Amino acid sequence: MPRWLRPLQNGQALSAGRLRAGALTEVTVRDDDEFVAFVEQSGRRLCDTAFWLCGDWSLAQDLTQTTFIKVYLSWRRIRRHDPYPYSKQVLLRTYLDHKRLKSSTEVQTDEIPDAVLDRPTVADTVELRITLLEALGRLSPPDRAIIVLRYWEDHSVQTVAELLGLSTGTVKTRSMRALARLRLLLGEDEPVPVPPA
């Protein structure tokens, strides 16, 4: 079980880290079965989304963990409603905030991380994913978020606009431009013929 999905023991202290610039917060974890169930249910989906946003399993787990910390801080307020959309919005904002930080000391390398190879996949699929991740990595973080939400997560334009706090027109325009950039980066393949109906 990934470290971000393990339930904490009653009374353990959970560091929320720098939730706001310069603010370090400590939270005492309560025995909250609803929150633990939510983490177990939605953790994999949020981590997969984070991976497609950032392209790094380690960073995806960190983003997911930070998301769960922020969601936990608001749990009493949001638990009555469906907390997943709120969590996804927190994840997106956490990702975009991370990309805006200029103090990031992490360095990208050309080496494939071991975590990608741990998944049972066909070699062509792995190569395709790596190629797609490299192309996504060349998009701006907001454009990458729009592409992942629209085409990987299959959300409507309206939902993406609400999650990112943009107008639907902005989402459509940026989506069109980001797709054009991806096509340019990836090169267009021969069109697949559609069989007659």
N, C-alpha and C. Protein backbone atom coordinates (compact mmCIF):
# COMPACT_ATOMS: atom_id res chain seq x y z
N MET A 1 0.85 -1.17 0.00
CA MET A 1 0.00 0.00 0.00
C MET A 1 0.90 1.23 0.00
N PRO A 2 0.64 2.21 -0.92
CA PRO A 2 1.47 3.41 -0.97
C PRO A 2 1.41 4.17 0.35
N ARG A 3 2.49 4.91 0.66
CA ARG A 3 2.58 5.60 1.94
C ARG A 3 1.48 6.63 2.12
N TRP A 4 1.00 7.24 1.05
CA TRP A 4 -0.03 8.26 1.17
C TRP A 4 -1.41 7.66 1.40
N LEU A 5 -1.54 6.33 1.23
CA LEU A 5 -2.83 5.68 1.39
C LEU A 5 -2.96 4.98 2.73
N ARG A 6 -1.84 4.86 3.48
CA ARG A 6 -1.89 4.19 4.77
C ARG A 6 -2.62 5.05 5.79
N PRO A 7 -3.62 4.48 6.49
CA PRO A 7 -4.29 5.27 7.52
C PRO A 7 -3.34 5.54 8.68
N LEU A 8 -3.43 6.73 9.25
CA LEU A 8 -2.59 7.10 10.38
C LEU A 8 -3.23 6.59 11.67
N GLN A 9 -2.41 6.32 12.66
CA GLN A 9 -2.90 5.84 13.95
C GLN A 9 -3.50 7.01 14.73
N ASN A 10 -4.46 6.72 15.57
CA ASN A 10 -5.12 7.73 16.38
C ASN A 10 -4.08 8.48 17.22
N GLY A 11 -4.13 9.80 17.18
CA GLY A 11 -3.22 10.60 17.98
C GLY A 11 -1.92 10.98 17.29
N GLN A 12 -1.64 10.43 16.10
CA GLN A 12 -0.42 10.78 15.40
C GLN A 12 -0.52 12.22 14.90
N ALA A 13 0.60 12.90 14.85
CA ALA A 13 0.60 14.27 14.32
C ALA A 13 0.86 14.23 12.84
N LEU A 14 0.16 15.02 12.08
CA LEU A 14 0.28 15.07 10.64
C LEU A 14 0.71 16.47 10.25
N SER A 15 1.87 16.60 9.63
CA SER A 15 2.36 17.90 9.23
C SER A 15 1.71 18.32 7.92
N ALA A 16 1.09 19.46 7.91
CA ALA A 16 0.44 19.95 6.70
C ALA A 16 1.43 20.69 5.81
N GLY A 17 2.65 20.87 6.27
CA GLY A 17 3.66 21.51 5.45
C GLY A 17 3.33 22.97 5.18
N ARG A 18 3.86 23.48 4.13
CA ARG A 18 3.61 24.88 3.78
C ARG A 18 2.34 24.97 2.94
N LEU A 19 1.19 25.08 3.63
CA LEU A 19 -0.07 25.19 2.92
C LEU A 19 -0.22 26.57 2.31
N ARG A 20 0.25 27.55 3.00
CA ARG A 20 0.28 28.91 2.45
C ARG A 20 1.72 29.40 2.62
N ALA A 21 2.10 30.32 1.80
CA ALA A 21 3.49 30.77 1.81
C ALA A 21 3.94 31.12 3.22
N GLY A 22 4.90 30.36 3.71
CA GLY A 22 5.48 30.64 5.01
C GLY A 22 4.74 30.09 6.20
N ALA A 23 3.58 29.50 6.02
CA ALA A 23 2.79 29.02 7.17
C ALA A 23 3.00 27.52 7.36
N LEU A 24 3.46 27.12 8.52
CA LEU A 24 3.64 25.72 8.84
C LEU A 24 2.57 25.35 9.87
N THR A 25 1.80 24.32 9.58
CA THR A 25 0.65 23.97 10.40
C THR A 25 0.78 22.54 10.87
N GLU A 26 0.42 22.27 12.11
CA GLU A 26 0.34 20.92 12.65
C GLU A 26 -1.11 20.59 12.90
N VAL A 27 -1.50 19.39 12.54
CA VAL A 27 -2.87 18.96 12.72
C VAL A 27 -2.84 17.64 13.48
N THR A 28 -3.65 17.51 14.49
CA THR A 28 -3.75 16.24 15.20
C THR A 28 -4.80 15.40 14.50
N VAL A 29 -4.42 14.19 14.13
CA VAL A 29 -5.31 13.31 13.40
C VAL A 29 -6.28 12.65 14.36
N ARG A 30 -7.55 12.76 14.03
CA ARG A 30 -8.59 12.12 14.81
C ARG A 30 -8.93 10.79 14.17
N ASP A 31 -9.65 9.97 14.90
CA ASP A 31 -10.12 8.71 14.35
C ASP A 31 -11.33 9.03 13.48
N ASP A 32 -11.12 9.22 12.19
CA ASP A 32 -12.17 9.63 11.29
C ASP A 32 -12.32 8.58 10.20
N ASP A 33 -13.21 7.63 10.44
CA ASP A 33 -13.38 6.51 9.53
C ASP A 33 -13.89 6.94 8.16
N GLU A 34 -14.72 7.97 8.11
CA GLU A 34 -15.23 8.45 6.83
C GLU A 34 -14.09 8.96 5.95
N PHE A 35 -13.17 9.71 6.55
CA PHE A 35 -12.06 10.25 5.78
C PHE A 35 -11.15 9.13 5.30
N VAL A 36 -10.85 8.17 6.16
CA VAL A 36 -10.00 7.04 5.77
C VAL A 36 -10.65 6.27 4.63
N ALA A 37 -11.95 6.05 4.70
CA ALA A 37 -12.66 5.34 3.63
C ALA A 37 -12.59 6.14 2.33
N PHE A 38 -12.73 7.46 2.43
CA PHE A 38 -12.64 8.30 1.25
C PHE A 38 -11.24 8.21 0.62
N VAL A 39 -10.21 8.25 1.45
CA VAL A 39 -8.83 8.15 0.95
C VAL A 39 -8.62 6.82 0.25
N GLU A 40 -9.09 5.74 0.85
CA GLU A 40 -8.92 4.42 0.25
C GLU A 40 -9.69 4.30 -1.06
N GLN A 41 -10.84 4.93 -1.14
CA GLN A 41 -11.68 4.85 -2.33
C GLN A 41 -11.15 5.72 -3.46
N SER A 42 -10.68 6.91 -3.17
CA SER A 42 -10.33 7.86 -4.23
C SER A 42 -8.83 8.05 -4.42
N GLY A 43 -8.01 7.47 -3.57
CA GLY A 43 -6.57 7.71 -3.62
C GLY A 43 -5.93 7.33 -4.94
N ARG A 44 -6.26 6.18 -5.48
CA ARG A 44 -5.65 5.72 -6.73
C ARG A 44 -6.04 6.64 -7.89
N ARG A 45 -7.31 7.03 -7.96
CA ARG A 45 -7.76 7.91 -9.05
C ARG A 45 -7.06 9.27 -8.98
N LEU A 46 -6.96 9.83 -7.78
CA LEU A 46 -6.30 11.13 -7.64
C LEU A 46 -4.81 11.03 -7.97
N CYS A 47 -4.19 9.94 -7.54
CA CYS A 47 -2.76 9.77 -7.83
C CYS A 47 -2.52 9.58 -9.34
N ASP A 48 -3.41 8.84 -10.01
CA ASP A 48 -3.29 8.69 -11.46
C ASP A 48 -3.42 10.03 -12.17
N THR A 49 -4.38 10.83 -11.74
CA THR A 49 -4.55 12.16 -12.32
C THR A 49 -3.30 13.01 -12.06
N ALA A 50 -2.78 12.95 -10.85
CA ALA A 50 -1.57 13.70 -10.52
C ALA A 50 -0.40 13.25 -11.39
N PHE A 51 -0.30 11.94 -11.63
CA PHE A 51 0.78 11.43 -12.48
C PHE A 51 0.68 12.00 -13.89
N TRP A 52 -0.53 12.01 -14.45
CA TRP A 52 -0.69 12.53 -15.80
C TRP A 52 -0.44 14.03 -15.86
N LEU A 53 -0.65 14.71 -14.75
CA LEU A 53 -0.35 16.14 -14.72
C LEU A 53 1.14 16.40 -14.65
N CYS A 54 1.85 15.65 -13.79
CA CYS A 54 3.26 15.99 -13.54
C CYS A 54 4.25 15.03 -14.21
N GLY A 55 3.83 13.80 -14.53
CA GLY A 55 4.71 12.86 -15.22
C GLY A 55 5.75 12.19 -14.34
N ASP A 56 5.59 12.26 -13.04
CA ASP A 56 6.57 11.69 -12.11
C ASP A 56 5.80 11.04 -10.95
N TRP A 57 6.01 9.72 -10.76
CA TRP A 57 5.25 9.00 -9.73
C TRP A 57 5.53 9.55 -8.34
N SER A 58 6.76 9.87 -8.06
CA SER A 58 7.11 10.38 -6.74
C SER A 58 6.41 11.72 -6.47
N LEU A 59 6.48 12.61 -7.44
CA LEU A 59 5.82 13.91 -7.29
C LEU A 59 4.30 13.72 -7.26
N ALA A 60 3.77 12.78 -8.03
CA ALA A 60 2.33 12.51 -8.03
C ALA A 60 1.87 12.08 -6.64
N GLN A 61 2.65 11.23 -5.99
CA GLN A 61 2.31 10.80 -4.64
C GLN A 61 2.39 11.97 -3.66
N ASP A 62 3.40 12.82 -3.83
CA ASP A 62 3.52 14.01 -2.96
C ASP A 62 2.33 14.95 -3.17
N LEU A 63 1.95 15.18 -4.42
CA LEU A 63 0.80 16.04 -4.70
C LEU A 63 -0.48 15.45 -4.12
N THR A 64 -0.62 14.13 -4.24
CA THR A 64 -1.81 13.47 -3.70
C THR A 64 -1.84 13.57 -2.19
N GLN A 65 -0.68 13.37 -1.56
CA GLN A 65 -0.61 13.48 -0.10
C GLN A 65 -0.95 14.89 0.36
N THR A 66 -0.41 15.88 -0.32
CA THR A 66 -0.71 17.27 0.03
C THR A 66 -2.19 17.56 -0.16
N THR A 67 -2.77 17.00 -1.22
CA THR A 67 -4.20 17.15 -1.45
C THR A 67 -5.00 16.57 -0.30
N PHE A 68 -4.64 15.37 0.14
CA PHE A 68 -5.37 14.75 1.24
C PHE A 68 -5.22 15.55 2.54
N ILE A 69 -4.07 16.15 2.75
CA ILE A 69 -3.88 16.98 3.95
C ILE A 69 -4.83 18.19 3.89
N LYS A 70 -4.88 18.84 2.73
CA LYS A 70 -5.74 20.01 2.59
C LYS A 70 -7.22 19.62 2.69
N VAL A 71 -7.57 18.48 2.11
CA VAL A 71 -8.96 18.01 2.19
C VAL A 71 -9.30 17.68 3.64
N TYR A 72 -8.36 17.07 4.34
CA TYR A 72 -8.62 16.72 5.74
C TYR A 72 -8.88 17.97 6.59
N LEU A 73 -8.15 19.03 6.29
CA LEU A 73 -8.35 20.27 7.03
C LEU A 73 -9.75 20.84 6.82
N SER A 74 -10.36 20.53 5.70
CA SER A 74 -11.71 21.02 5.39
C SER A 74 -12.76 19.92 5.50
N TRP A 75 -12.38 18.76 6.02
CA TRP A 75 -13.24 17.58 5.98
C TRP A 75 -14.62 17.81 6.62
N ARG A 76 -14.67 18.47 7.76
CA ARG A 76 -15.96 18.68 8.43
C ARG A 76 -16.92 19.48 7.57
N ARG A 77 -16.39 20.39 6.79
CA ARG A 77 -17.22 21.24 5.95
C ARG A 77 -17.67 20.53 4.67
N ILE A 78 -16.82 19.67 4.09
CA ILE A 78 -17.13 19.10 2.77
C ILE A 78 -17.66 17.67 2.81
N ARG A 79 -17.58 16.99 3.92
CA ARG A 79 -17.92 15.56 3.94
C ARG A 79 -19.40 15.30 3.68
N ARG A 80 -20.26 16.26 3.93
CA ARG A 80 -21.69 16.06 3.70
C ARG A 80 -22.01 15.99 2.22
N HIS A 81 -21.19 16.61 1.41
CA HIS A 81 -21.36 16.61 -0.04
C HIS A 81 -20.37 15.60 -0.61
N ASP A 82 -20.39 15.42 -1.92
CA ASP A 82 -19.42 14.53 -2.56
C ASP A 82 -18.04 15.20 -2.49
N PRO A 83 -17.11 14.64 -1.70
CA PRO A 83 -15.81 15.31 -1.53
C PRO A 83 -14.85 15.10 -2.71
N TYR A 84 -15.17 14.19 -3.65
CA TYR A 84 -14.22 13.92 -4.74
C TYR A 84 -14.01 15.13 -5.65
N PRO A 85 -15.07 15.80 -6.12
CA PRO A 85 -14.82 16.98 -6.97
C PRO A 85 -14.00 18.06 -6.25
N TYR A 86 -14.27 18.27 -4.98
CA TYR A 86 -13.48 19.23 -4.21
C TYR A 86 -12.02 18.78 -4.16
N SER A 87 -11.81 17.49 -3.94
CA SER A 87 -10.45 16.95 -3.87
C SER A 87 -9.72 17.11 -5.19
N LYS A 88 -10.42 16.88 -6.28
CA LYS A 88 -9.78 17.04 -7.59
C LYS A 88 -9.40 18.49 -7.82
N GLN A 89 -10.26 19.41 -7.40
CA GLN A 89 -9.95 20.83 -7.54
C GLN A 89 -8.73 21.20 -6.69
N VAL A 90 -8.65 20.66 -5.48
CA VAL A 90 -7.50 20.91 -4.62
C VAL A 90 -6.24 20.34 -5.27
N LEU A 91 -6.33 19.15 -5.84
CA LEU A 91 -5.18 18.53 -6.51
C LEU A 91 -4.71 19.42 -7.67
N LEU A 92 -5.62 19.91 -8.48
CA LEU A 92 -5.25 20.76 -9.61
C LEU A 92 -4.58 22.04 -9.13
N ARG A 93 -5.13 22.66 -8.11
CA ARG A 93 -4.53 23.89 -7.59
C ARG A 93 -3.16 23.61 -6.95
N THR A 94 -3.04 22.48 -6.30
CA THR A 94 -1.75 22.09 -5.70
C THR A 94 -0.71 21.89 -6.79
N TYR A 95 -1.10 21.22 -7.86
CA TYR A 95 -0.19 21.01 -9.00
C TYR A 95 0.23 22.35 -9.61
N LEU A 96 -0.74 23.21 -9.88
CA LEU A 96 -0.42 24.51 -10.49
C LEU A 96 0.43 25.36 -9.56
N ASP A 97 0.16 25.31 -8.26
CA ASP A 97 0.99 26.04 -7.29
C ASP A 97 2.41 25.50 -7.29
N HIS A 98 2.54 24.19 -7.35
CA HIS A 98 3.88 23.58 -7.37
C HIS A 98 4.66 24.04 -8.60
N LYS A 99 4.00 24.12 -9.75
CA LYS A 99 4.68 24.53 -10.97
C LYS A 99 5.06 26.00 -10.93
N ARG A 100 4.33 26.80 -10.14
CA ARG A 100 4.63 28.23 -10.05
C ARG A 100 5.79 28.52 -9.11
N LEU A 101 6.07 27.59 -8.20
CA LEU A 101 7.15 27.83 -7.24
C LEU A 101 8.49 27.93 -7.95
N LYS A 102 9.21 28.95 -7.67
CA LYS A 102 10.52 29.11 -8.30
C LYS A 102 11.62 28.48 -7.46
N SER A 103 11.26 28.06 -6.25
CA SER A 103 12.28 27.50 -5.36
C SER A 103 12.40 25.99 -5.52
N SER A 104 11.76 25.42 -6.53
CA SER A 104 11.83 23.98 -6.73
C SER A 104 13.26 23.58 -7.08
N THR A 105 13.80 22.63 -6.34
CA THR A 105 15.19 22.20 -6.56
C THR A 105 15.25 20.87 -7.29
N GLU A 106 14.12 20.31 -7.68
CA GLU A 106 14.12 19.03 -8.36
C GLU A 106 14.59 19.22 -9.79
N VAL A 107 15.33 18.24 -10.28
CA VAL A 107 15.88 18.28 -11.63
C VAL A 107 15.33 17.11 -12.42
N GLN A 108 14.79 17.38 -13.61
CA GLN A 108 14.28 16.33 -14.48
C GLN A 108 15.46 15.61 -15.13
N THR A 109 15.32 14.29 -15.28
CA THR A 109 16.35 13.52 -15.97
C THR A 109 15.74 12.75 -17.13
N ASP A 110 16.59 12.21 -17.98
CA ASP A 110 16.12 11.42 -19.11
C ASP A 110 15.92 9.95 -18.74
N GLU A 111 16.28 9.58 -17.51
CA GLU A 111 16.14 8.19 -17.10
C GLU A 111 14.70 7.87 -16.75
N ILE A 112 14.29 6.66 -17.10
CA ILE A 112 12.94 6.21 -16.80
C ILE A 112 12.92 5.75 -15.35
N PRO A 113 11.98 6.26 -14.53
CA PRO A 113 11.93 5.82 -13.14
C PRO A 113 11.48 4.36 -13.04
N ASP A 114 11.97 3.68 -11.98
CA ASP A 114 11.62 2.28 -11.79
C ASP A 114 10.13 2.07 -11.61
N ALA A 115 9.43 3.04 -11.05
CA ALA A 115 8.00 2.89 -10.77
C ALA A 115 7.20 2.65 -12.05
N VAL A 116 7.62 3.27 -13.16
CA VAL A 116 6.91 3.07 -14.42
C VAL A 116 7.07 1.62 -14.88
N LEU A 117 8.25 1.03 -14.65
CA LEU A 117 8.50 -0.32 -15.10
C LEU A 117 7.83 -1.36 -14.21
N ASP A 118 7.42 -0.98 -12.98
CA ASP A 118 6.77 -1.92 -12.09
C ASP A 118 5.39 -2.31 -12.57
N ARG A 119 4.77 -1.49 -13.37
CA ARG A 119 3.43 -1.78 -13.85
C ARG A 119 3.51 -2.78 -15.00
N PRO A 120 2.67 -3.79 -14.96
CA PRO A 120 2.69 -4.78 -16.04
C PRO A 120 2.07 -4.21 -17.31
N THR A 121 2.93 -3.87 -18.30
CA THR A 121 2.44 -3.30 -19.55
C THR A 121 3.23 -3.89 -20.71
N VAL A 122 2.70 -3.73 -21.88
CA VAL A 122 3.38 -4.13 -23.10
C VAL A 122 4.38 -3.03 -23.45
N ALA A 123 5.52 -3.41 -24.02
CA ALA A 123 6.59 -2.45 -24.32
C ALA A 123 6.10 -1.29 -25.17
N ASP A 124 5.26 -1.55 -26.15
CA ASP A 124 4.75 -0.47 -26.99
C ASP A 124 3.92 0.52 -26.20
N THR A 125 3.15 0.02 -25.27
CA THR A 125 2.31 0.89 -24.44
C THR A 125 3.17 1.78 -23.57
N VAL A 126 4.22 1.22 -23.00
CA VAL A 126 5.13 2.00 -22.16
C VAL A 126 5.80 3.09 -23.00
N GLU A 127 6.26 2.72 -24.19
CA GLU A 127 6.91 3.70 -25.06
C GLU A 127 5.94 4.81 -25.45
N LEU A 128 4.70 4.44 -25.74
CA LEU A 128 3.69 5.43 -26.09
C LEU A 128 3.41 6.37 -24.91
N ARG A 129 3.30 5.81 -23.71
CA ARG A 129 3.06 6.63 -22.53
C ARG A 129 4.22 7.60 -22.30
N ILE A 130 5.44 7.12 -22.44
CA ILE A 130 6.61 7.97 -22.22
C ILE A 130 6.63 9.10 -23.25
N THR A 131 6.34 8.77 -24.50
CA THR A 131 6.30 9.78 -25.55
C THR A 131 5.22 10.82 -25.25
N LEU A 132 4.05 10.34 -24.84
CA LEU A 132 2.95 11.25 -24.51
C LEU A 132 3.29 12.13 -23.31
N LEU A 133 3.90 11.54 -22.29
CA LEU A 133 4.29 12.32 -21.11
C LEU A 133 5.32 13.39 -21.45
N GLU A 134 6.27 13.05 -22.32
CA GLU A 134 7.26 14.04 -22.74
C GLU A 134 6.59 15.20 -23.48
N ALA A 135 5.64 14.87 -24.35
CA ALA A 135 4.93 15.92 -25.08
C ALA A 135 4.07 16.75 -24.13
N LEU A 136 3.37 16.09 -23.20
CA LEU A 136 2.58 16.84 -22.21
C LEU A 136 3.46 17.74 -21.37
N GLY A 137 4.67 17.29 -21.07
CA GLY A 137 5.60 18.07 -20.27
C GLY A 137 6.03 19.36 -20.93
N ARG A 138 5.87 19.45 -22.23
CA ARG A 138 6.25 20.67 -22.95
C ARG A 138 5.13 21.70 -22.98
N LEU A 139 3.94 21.30 -22.53
CA LEU A 139 2.83 22.25 -22.44
C LEU A 139 2.95 23.03 -21.14
N SER A 140 2.33 24.20 -21.12
CA SER A 140 2.29 24.98 -19.87
C SER A 140 1.43 24.21 -18.86
N PRO A 141 1.67 24.38 -17.56
CA PRO A 141 0.88 23.65 -16.57
C PRO A 141 -0.64 23.84 -16.70
N PRO A 142 -1.15 25.05 -16.95
CA PRO A 142 -2.61 25.16 -17.12
C PRO A 142 -3.12 24.41 -18.36
N ASP A 143 -2.36 24.49 -19.47
CA ASP A 143 -2.78 23.77 -20.68
C ASP A 143 -2.73 22.26 -20.45
N ARG A 144 -1.71 21.81 -19.74
CA ARG A 144 -1.59 20.39 -19.44
C ARG A 144 -2.76 19.94 -18.56
N ALA A 145 -3.14 20.76 -17.59
CA ALA A 145 -4.28 20.42 -16.73
C ALA A 145 -5.56 20.32 -17.56
N ILE A 146 -5.75 21.23 -18.49
CA ILE A 146 -6.94 21.20 -19.34
C ILE A 146 -6.96 19.93 -20.17
N ILE A 147 -5.85 19.57 -20.79
CA ILE A 147 -5.79 18.37 -21.64
C ILE A 147 -6.04 17.12 -20.80
N VAL A 148 -5.41 17.01 -19.65
CA VAL A 148 -5.61 15.82 -18.80
C VAL A 148 -7.06 15.72 -18.35
N LEU A 149 -7.65 16.82 -17.93
CA LEU A 149 -9.03 16.77 -17.47
C LEU A 149 -10.01 16.48 -18.60
N ARG A 150 -9.80 17.10 -19.75
CA ARG A 150 -10.74 16.92 -20.87
C ARG A 150 -10.61 15.55 -21.52
N TYR A 151 -9.40 15.10 -21.76
CA TYR A 151 -9.22 13.92 -22.60
C TYR A 151 -8.78 12.68 -21.84
N TRP A 152 -8.11 12.82 -20.72
CA TRP A 152 -7.75 11.64 -19.92
C TRP A 152 -8.87 11.33 -18.93
N GLU A 153 -9.35 12.36 -18.25
CA GLU A 153 -10.42 12.18 -17.26
C GLU A 153 -11.81 12.25 -17.90
N ASP A 154 -11.90 12.71 -19.14
CA ASP A 154 -13.15 12.77 -19.90
C ASP A 154 -14.20 13.66 -19.25
N HIS A 155 -13.77 14.84 -18.77
CA HIS A 155 -14.71 15.79 -18.19
C HIS A 155 -15.24 16.72 -19.28
N SER A 156 -16.41 17.27 -19.05
CA SER A 156 -16.99 18.23 -19.98
C SER A 156 -16.23 19.56 -19.89
N VAL A 157 -16.43 20.39 -20.89
CA VAL A 157 -15.81 21.71 -20.90
C VAL A 157 -16.28 22.50 -19.67
N GLN A 158 -17.55 22.40 -19.36
CA GLN A 158 -18.12 23.12 -18.22
C GLN A 158 -17.45 22.68 -16.91
N THR A 159 -17.28 21.37 -16.73
CA THR A 159 -16.65 20.85 -15.51
C THR A 159 -15.21 21.32 -15.39
N VAL A 160 -14.46 21.26 -16.49
CA VAL A 160 -13.07 21.71 -16.49
C VAL A 160 -13.00 23.20 -16.15
N ALA A 161 -13.91 23.97 -16.73
CA ALA A 161 -13.94 25.41 -16.44
C ALA A 161 -14.19 25.66 -14.96
N GLU A 162 -15.12 24.92 -14.37
CA GLU A 162 -15.41 25.09 -12.95
C GLU A 162 -14.22 24.67 -12.09
N LEU A 163 -13.59 23.55 -12.44
CA LEU A 163 -12.46 23.07 -11.64
C LEU A 163 -11.28 24.04 -11.66
N LEU A 164 -11.04 24.64 -12.81
CA LEU A 164 -9.88 25.53 -12.95
C LEU A 164 -10.21 27.00 -12.76
N GLY A 165 -11.49 27.31 -12.58
CA GLY A 165 -11.88 28.70 -12.38
C GLY A 165 -11.72 29.54 -13.64
N LEU A 166 -12.00 28.94 -14.81
CA LEU A 166 -11.89 29.64 -16.08
C LEU A 166 -13.26 29.68 -16.76
N SER A 167 -13.39 30.50 -17.78
CA SER A 167 -14.62 30.50 -18.56
C SER A 167 -14.59 29.32 -19.53
N THR A 168 -15.77 28.91 -19.99
CA THR A 168 -15.83 27.78 -20.94
C THR A 168 -15.14 28.15 -22.25
N GLY A 169 -15.25 29.40 -22.66
CA GLY A 169 -14.57 29.84 -23.88
C GLY A 169 -13.06 29.73 -23.77
N THR A 170 -12.53 30.09 -22.60
CA THR A 170 -11.09 29.98 -22.37
C THR A 170 -10.65 28.52 -22.42
N VAL A 171 -11.45 27.63 -21.80
CA VAL A 171 -11.12 26.20 -21.82
C VAL A 171 -11.11 25.67 -23.24
N LYS A 172 -12.12 26.05 -24.04
CA LYS A 172 -12.19 25.59 -25.43
C LYS A 172 -10.99 26.08 -26.24
N THR A 173 -10.68 27.37 -26.10
CA THR A 173 -9.57 27.95 -26.85
C THR A 173 -8.24 27.32 -26.46
N ARG A 174 -7.99 27.24 -25.15
CA ARG A 174 -6.72 26.67 -24.69
C ARG A 174 -6.62 25.20 -25.03
N SER A 175 -7.75 24.49 -24.98
CA SER A 175 -7.77 23.07 -25.34
C SER A 175 -7.40 22.90 -26.81
N MET A 176 -8.00 23.71 -27.67
CA MET A 176 -7.72 23.63 -29.10
C MET A 176 -6.24 23.93 -29.38
N ARG A 177 -5.72 24.96 -28.76
CA ARG A 177 -4.32 25.34 -28.98
C ARG A 177 -3.36 24.29 -28.41
N ALA A 178 -3.70 23.74 -27.23
CA ALA A 178 -2.84 22.71 -26.62
C ALA A 178 -2.85 21.43 -27.46
N LEU A 179 -4.00 21.06 -28.00
CA LEU A 179 -4.06 19.89 -28.87
C LEU A 179 -3.25 20.10 -30.14
N ALA A 180 -3.32 21.31 -30.70
CA ALA A 180 -2.53 21.61 -31.89
C ALA A 180 -1.04 21.51 -31.57
N ARG A 181 -0.64 22.00 -30.41
CA ARG A 181 0.76 21.91 -29.99
C ARG A 181 1.18 20.45 -29.81
N LEU A 182 0.30 19.64 -29.19
CA LEU A 182 0.60 18.21 -29.02
C LEU A 182 0.75 17.53 -30.37
N ARG A 183 -0.14 17.84 -31.30
CA ARG A 183 -0.03 17.23 -32.64
C ARG A 183 1.29 17.60 -33.29
N LEU A 184 1.70 18.84 -33.11
CA LEU A 184 2.97 19.29 -33.67
C LEU A 184 4.13 18.54 -33.01
N LEU A 185 4.08 18.39 -31.68
CA LEU A 185 5.15 17.71 -30.96
C LEU A 185 5.21 16.22 -31.26
N LEU A 186 4.05 15.60 -31.39
CA LEU A 186 3.99 14.15 -31.59
C LEU A 186 4.06 13.76 -33.06
N GLY A 187 3.71 14.67 -33.95
CA GLY A 187 3.61 14.32 -35.36
C GLY A 187 2.32 13.58 -35.59
N GLU A 188 1.68 13.87 -36.67
CA GLU A 188 0.38 13.23 -36.93
C GLU A 188 0.62 11.91 -37.65
N ASP A 189 -0.09 10.88 -37.18
CA ASP A 189 -0.07 9.58 -37.83
C ASP A 189 -1.09 9.60 -38.96
N GLU A 190 -1.03 8.54 -39.76
CA GLU A 190 -2.03 8.38 -40.80
C GLU A 190 -3.40 8.26 -40.14
N PRO A 191 -4.43 8.88 -40.70
CA PRO A 191 -5.74 8.76 -40.09
C PRO A 191 -6.23 7.32 -40.15
N VAL A 192 -6.88 6.90 -39.09
CA VAL A 192 -7.43 5.54 -39.03
C VAL A 192 -8.74 5.52 -39.80
N PRO A 193 -8.87 4.63 -40.81
CA PRO A 193 -10.11 4.60 -41.56
C PRO A 193 -11.26 4.13 -40.68
N VAL A 194 -12.40 4.79 -40.81
CA VAL A 194 -13.58 4.42 -40.04
C VAL A 194 -14.39 3.44 -40.87
N PRO A 195 -14.73 2.25 -40.30
CA PRO A 195 -15.52 1.29 -41.07
C PRO A 195 -16.92 1.82 -41.32
N PRO A 196 -17.50 1.49 -42.49
CA PRO A 196 -18.86 1.98 -42.77
C PRO A 196 -19.86 1.41 -41.78
N ALA A 197 -20.87 2.20 -41.48
CA ALA A 197 -21.88 1.79 -40.49
C ALA A 197 -22.88 0.81 -41.06
